[in-house]
Protein backbone atom coordinates (compact mmCIF):
# COMPACT_ATOMS: atom_id res chain seq x y z
CA UNK A 1 52.21 99.65 103.16
CA UNK A 2 52.90 99.77 99.48
CA UNK A 3 55.96 98.06 98.01
CA UNK A 4 56.44 98.14 94.29
CA UNK A 5 57.02 94.81 92.56
CA UNK A 6 60.17 94.36 90.51
CA UNK A 7 59.46 94.45 86.80
CA UNK A 8 58.54 92.79 84.55
CA UNK A 9 56.01 91.02 86.82
CA UNK A 10 52.31 90.44 86.29
CA UNK A 11 50.09 89.55 89.28
CA UNK A 12 46.61 88.26 88.90
CA UNK A 13 44.03 87.98 91.71
CA UNK A 14 43.62 89.98 94.91
CA UNK A 15 44.56 88.60 98.31
CA UNK A 16 42.68 89.12 101.61
CA UNK A 17 44.09 90.61 104.80
CA UNK A 18 44.16 89.23 108.29
CA UNK A 19 45.50 86.08 109.96
CA UNK A 20 46.33 84.07 106.85
CA UNK A 21 49.07 81.78 105.69
CA UNK A 22 50.60 82.99 102.40
CA UNK A 23 52.45 80.22 100.57
CA UNK A 24 54.98 81.24 97.94
CA UNK A 25 55.62 78.54 95.31
CA UNK A 26 58.42 79.49 92.87
CA UNK A 27 57.67 77.49 89.75
CA UNK A 28 59.69 76.96 86.58
CA UNK A 29 58.19 74.36 84.26
CA UNK A 30 56.24 72.61 87.04
CA UNK A 31 53.06 71.83 85.09
CA UNK A 32 53.48 68.12 85.83
CA UNK A 33 53.96 68.52 89.56
CA UNK A 34 51.59 71.38 90.44
CA UNK A 35 48.24 69.54 90.14
CA UNK A 36 49.05 67.01 92.84
CA UNK A 37 50.52 69.69 95.09
CA UNK A 38 47.57 72.04 94.73
CA UNK A 39 45.19 69.15 95.41
CA UNK A 40 47.04 68.62 98.69
CA UNK A 41 46.45 72.30 99.64
CA UNK A 42 42.79 71.98 98.76
CA UNK A 43 42.49 68.93 101.01
CA UNK A 44 43.91 70.71 104.11
CA UNK A 45 41.42 71.17 106.99
CA UNK A 46 42.60 74.79 107.23
CA UNK A 47 42.60 75.43 103.46
CA UNK A 48 40.27 78.39 103.75
CA UNK A 49 43.01 80.19 105.73
CA UNK A 50 45.65 79.71 103.05
CA UNK A 51 46.51 81.81 100.01
CA UNK A 52 48.81 80.16 97.51
CA UNK A 53 51.05 82.45 95.41
CA UNK A 54 52.44 80.61 92.37
CA UNK A 55 55.36 82.50 90.86
CA UNK A 56 55.61 81.40 87.22
CA UNK A 57 59.25 82.15 86.46
CA UNK A 58 59.06 82.37 82.67
CA UNK A 59 57.98 78.74 82.20
CA UNK A 60 57.85 77.31 78.73
CA UNK A 61 55.22 74.71 79.65
CA UNK A 62 51.64 75.12 81.01
CA UNK A 63 52.59 76.09 84.54
CA UNK A 64 50.50 79.27 84.53
CA UNK A 65 47.44 77.57 83.01
CA UNK A 66 47.64 74.65 85.47
CA UNK A 67 47.85 77.08 88.40
CA UNK A 68 44.93 79.21 87.36
CA UNK A 69 42.79 76.10 86.68
CA UNK A 70 43.17 74.85 90.24
CA UNK A 71 40.02 74.56 92.33
CA UNK A 72 39.50 74.56 96.11
CA UNK A 73 42.49 76.86 96.58
CA UNK A 74 42.75 80.59 97.08
CA UNK A 75 45.37 81.11 94.43
CA UNK A 76 47.29 84.13 93.11
CA UNK A 77 49.56 84.08 90.14
CA UNK A 78 52.72 86.14 89.85
CA UNK A 79 54.40 85.98 86.39
CA UNK A 80 57.87 86.68 85.03
CA UNK A 81 57.91 87.14 81.32
CA UNK A 82 61.35 85.49 81.17
CA UNK A 83 63.09 83.01 83.45
CA UNK A 84 64.96 84.97 86.16
CA UNK A 85 66.03 82.16 88.50
CA UNK A 86 64.81 80.81 91.82
CA UNK A 87 66.07 83.73 93.89
CA UNK A 88 64.19 86.35 91.90
CA UNK A 89 61.06 84.17 91.87
CA UNK A 90 61.23 83.98 95.67
CA UNK A 91 61.85 87.75 95.81
CA UNK A 92 58.86 88.55 93.61
CA UNK A 93 56.62 86.26 95.61
CA UNK A 94 57.63 87.78 98.93
CA UNK A 95 57.14 91.35 97.63
CA UNK A 96 53.72 90.48 96.25
CA UNK A 97 52.67 89.07 99.59
CA UNK A 98 54.03 92.00 101.55
CA UNK A 99 51.89 94.41 99.54
CA UNK A 100 48.71 92.94 101.03
CA UNK A 101 49.54 90.80 104.05
CA UNK A 102 48.53 91.61 107.62
CA UNK A 103 51.42 91.84 110.12
CA UNK A 104 50.04 88.81 111.96
CA UNK A 105 50.07 86.64 108.86
CA UNK A 106 52.86 84.23 108.06
CA UNK A 107 54.66 83.54 104.77
CA UNK A 108 55.67 79.99 103.87
CA UNK A 109 58.14 79.39 101.00
CA UNK A 110 58.22 75.85 99.68
CA UNK A 111 59.07 73.98 96.51
CA UNK A 112 56.48 73.58 93.71
CA UNK A 113 57.65 70.10 92.70
CA UNK A 114 55.48 68.21 95.29
CA UNK A 115 58.46 67.16 97.41
CA UNK A 116 57.25 69.25 100.37
CA UNK A 117 54.08 68.34 102.28
CA UNK A 118 51.64 71.25 102.93
CA UNK A 119 50.43 69.46 106.06
CA UNK A 120 53.65 70.70 107.72
CA UNK A 121 52.16 74.19 107.71
CA UNK A 122 50.29 73.25 110.92
CA UNK A 123 53.45 72.59 113.01
CA UNK A 124 55.04 75.66 111.47
CA UNK A 125 52.10 77.75 112.78
CA UNK A 126 52.42 76.09 116.18
CA UNK A 127 56.04 77.24 116.48
CA UNK A 128 55.18 80.73 115.33
CA UNK A 129 52.35 80.91 117.84
CA UNK A 130 54.74 80.06 120.69
CA UNK A 131 57.27 82.80 119.82
CA UNK A 132 59.32 81.75 116.77
CA UNK A 133 59.91 84.28 113.99
CA UNK A 134 61.34 81.85 111.47
CA UNK A 135 60.65 78.10 111.38
CA UNK A 136 62.68 75.81 109.08
CA UNK A 137 61.48 72.40 107.88
CA UNK A 138 64.69 70.59 108.51
CA UNK A 139 65.97 67.36 107.02
CA UNK A 140 68.50 67.14 109.87
CA UNK A 141 66.15 67.58 112.84
CA UNK A 142 65.12 64.49 114.80
CA UNK A 143 62.52 62.79 112.66
CA UNK A 144 63.63 64.42 109.47
CA UNK A 145 64.64 62.35 106.44
CA UNK A 146 65.93 62.99 102.92
CA UNK A 147 66.86 59.49 101.78
CA UNK A 148 64.67 59.77 98.69
CA UNK A 149 66.90 62.56 97.29
CA UNK A 150 69.83 61.81 94.98
CA UNK A 151 73.09 61.06 96.90
CA UNK A 152 74.96 64.00 95.33
CA UNK A 153 72.26 66.41 96.41
CA UNK A 154 72.24 65.00 99.95
CA UNK A 155 76.00 65.42 100.13
CA UNK A 156 75.80 69.05 98.98
CA UNK A 157 73.16 69.82 101.63
CA UNK A 158 75.27 68.33 104.40
CA UNK A 159 78.48 69.99 103.30
CA UNK A 160 76.71 73.37 103.03
CA UNK A 161 75.10 72.93 106.44
CA UNK A 162 78.47 72.10 108.05
CA UNK A 163 80.16 75.04 106.30
CA UNK A 164 77.57 77.66 107.28
CA UNK A 165 77.28 76.32 110.89
CA UNK A 166 81.02 76.69 111.30
CA UNK A 167 81.38 80.12 109.68
CA UNK A 168 78.18 82.02 110.58
CA UNK A 169 76.59 79.91 113.34
CA UNK A 170 73.03 81.28 113.28
CA UNK A 171 71.37 80.20 116.51
CA UNK A 172 68.69 77.59 116.04
CA UNK A 173 69.74 76.65 112.47
CA UNK A 174 71.08 73.32 111.31
CA UNK A 175 69.55 73.03 107.89
CA UNK A 176 70.66 76.24 106.21
CA UNK A 177 69.65 75.26 102.66
CA UNK A 178 66.10 73.96 103.20
CA UNK A 179 63.63 75.53 100.76
CA UNK A 180 60.67 75.00 103.10
CA UNK A 181 60.33 77.68 105.74
CA UNK A 182 57.83 79.94 107.51
CA UNK A 183 58.38 83.62 108.40
CA UNK A 184 56.40 86.17 110.37
CA UNK A 185 55.18 88.87 107.97
CA UNK A 186 56.29 91.52 110.45
CA UNK A 187 59.83 90.19 110.30
CA UNK A 188 59.96 90.21 106.49
CA UNK A 189 58.43 93.66 106.42
CA UNK A 190 61.20 95.10 108.61
CA UNK A 191 63.83 93.44 106.46
CA UNK A 192 62.21 94.58 103.21
CA UNK A 193 62.13 98.17 104.38
CA UNK A 194 65.86 98.01 105.07
CA UNK A 195 67.11 96.10 102.02
CA UNK A 196 64.42 97.02 99.48
CA UNK A 197 65.11 95.48 96.13
CA UNK A 198 68.23 93.86 97.61
CA UNK A 199 66.23 91.65 99.96
CA UNK A 200 67.07 88.69 97.70
CA UNK A 201 69.92 89.25 95.27
CA UNK A 202 70.98 85.65 94.56
CA UNK A 203 69.45 84.16 91.40
CA UNK A 204 69.92 80.51 92.28
CA UNK A 205 69.44 78.06 95.14
CA UNK A 206 71.74 80.09 97.41
CA UNK A 207 68.88 82.60 97.82
CA UNK A 208 67.42 80.65 100.74
CA UNK A 209 70.75 80.94 102.69
CA UNK A 210 71.04 84.61 101.67
CA UNK A 211 67.63 85.48 103.06
CA UNK A 212 68.40 83.65 106.31
CA UNK A 213 71.71 85.49 106.71
CA UNK A 214 70.09 88.84 106.17
CA UNK A 215 67.24 88.10 108.55
CA UNK A 216 69.65 87.14 111.30
CA UNK A 217 70.49 90.81 111.74
CA UNK A 218 66.90 91.27 112.99
CA UNK A 219 67.75 88.84 115.78
CA UNK A 220 64.80 86.53 115.13
CA UNK A 221 63.90 83.44 117.11
CA UNK A 222 64.56 80.54 114.73
CA UNK A 223 63.43 77.00 115.24
CA UNK A 224 63.32 73.81 113.21
CA UNK A 225 60.72 71.09 112.67
CA UNK A 226 61.48 67.74 110.98
CA UNK A 227 61.04 67.48 107.28
CA UNK A 228 60.30 64.24 105.51
CA UNK A 229 61.43 65.05 101.99
CA UNK A 230 59.32 63.27 99.36
CA UNK A 231 61.66 63.38 96.39
CA UNK A 232 60.04 60.16 95.19
CA UNK A 233 56.95 62.20 94.27
CA UNK A 234 58.81 64.53 91.97
CA UNK A 235 58.17 64.22 88.22
CA UNK A 236 61.01 65.37 86.01
CA UNK A 237 64.72 66.06 86.54
CA UNK A 238 66.12 68.29 89.27
CA UNK A 239 66.96 71.89 88.31
CA UNK A 240 69.78 72.08 90.82
CA UNK A 241 73.27 72.14 89.36
CA UNK A 242 75.74 70.97 91.98
CA UNK A 243 78.89 72.80 90.96
CA UNK A 244 77.10 76.02 90.22
CA UNK A 245 75.18 75.89 93.51
CA UNK A 246 78.35 75.16 95.54
CA UNK A 247 80.06 78.15 93.89
CA UNK A 248 77.04 80.35 94.75
CA UNK A 249 77.25 79.23 98.37
CA UNK A 250 80.95 80.11 98.54
CA UNK A 251 80.49 83.52 96.89
CA UNK A 252 77.60 84.30 99.22
CA UNK A 253 79.73 83.41 102.22
CA UNK A 254 82.49 85.70 101.12
CA UNK A 255 80.08 88.52 100.43
CA UNK A 256 78.43 88.11 103.80
CA UNK A 257 81.81 88.19 105.57
CA UNK A 258 82.85 91.43 103.73
CA UNK A 259 79.53 93.28 103.97
CA UNK A 260 78.99 95.51 107.00
CA UNK A 261 76.03 94.64 109.20
CA UNK A 262 72.96 96.84 108.76
CA UNK A 263 72.21 99.69 111.10
CA UNK A 264 70.98 98.46 114.47
CA UNK A 265 67.71 100.45 113.96
CA UNK A 266 66.68 97.38 111.93
CA UNK A 267 66.07 95.57 115.24
CA UNK A 268 62.73 95.62 117.04
CA UNK A 269 59.13 96.07 115.89
CA UNK A 270 59.44 99.82 115.68
CA UNK A 271 62.52 99.73 113.40
């Protein structure tokens, strides 16, 4: 499989095939948060089975230098020359992984600001191993908690979750906007072959909902595991803009309602 990366993107390093966890970390000016997060990856018992893909989205700080200086981590760097937004950083990371990943690998997307715990990769794998295609780290599952996040951000997450549950009702999903998820590579590959460069079109935080809505047409098995959000570990201000993100969610919902579903040949491993 060969899928061209969107340009301008520079990728350094070469990933290995076969049974790995590929972690995509979209990063814009995360030089302060990356060292602690990458240390957590290096400390994992299963660290030798993980490849971390840091997508430096046109950062103006030392994000790229911090990433490449990390030790104890199999790390690949994807670079945007200019800032293109979270959605396009996720898109570039996914496409880079799909160029080299084995169908039995998984892709985990998580935040680069150290609010997500890499130790959760183990329960994500457990759910994939027992039949899930997508696993969401959910703040709203039993045992989940996001009390360390700002109140306005918590309100937005709950309003968005209620809206999408009512309008699109994807089976197995409560936390639509969580940025911490695992996907089977085979599922993403089928979707990427259908949507191509349109796999992720949103530029902002709505990209995570967009990807979920597109993948639902593949009829995946989706499960959730509890997420303990560690916003108290984050250094620096949030990059989420509440009004802008809410507007993105509403536009996405309208676009999803108006767009025809993809051809049913998208379903199944042979699609």
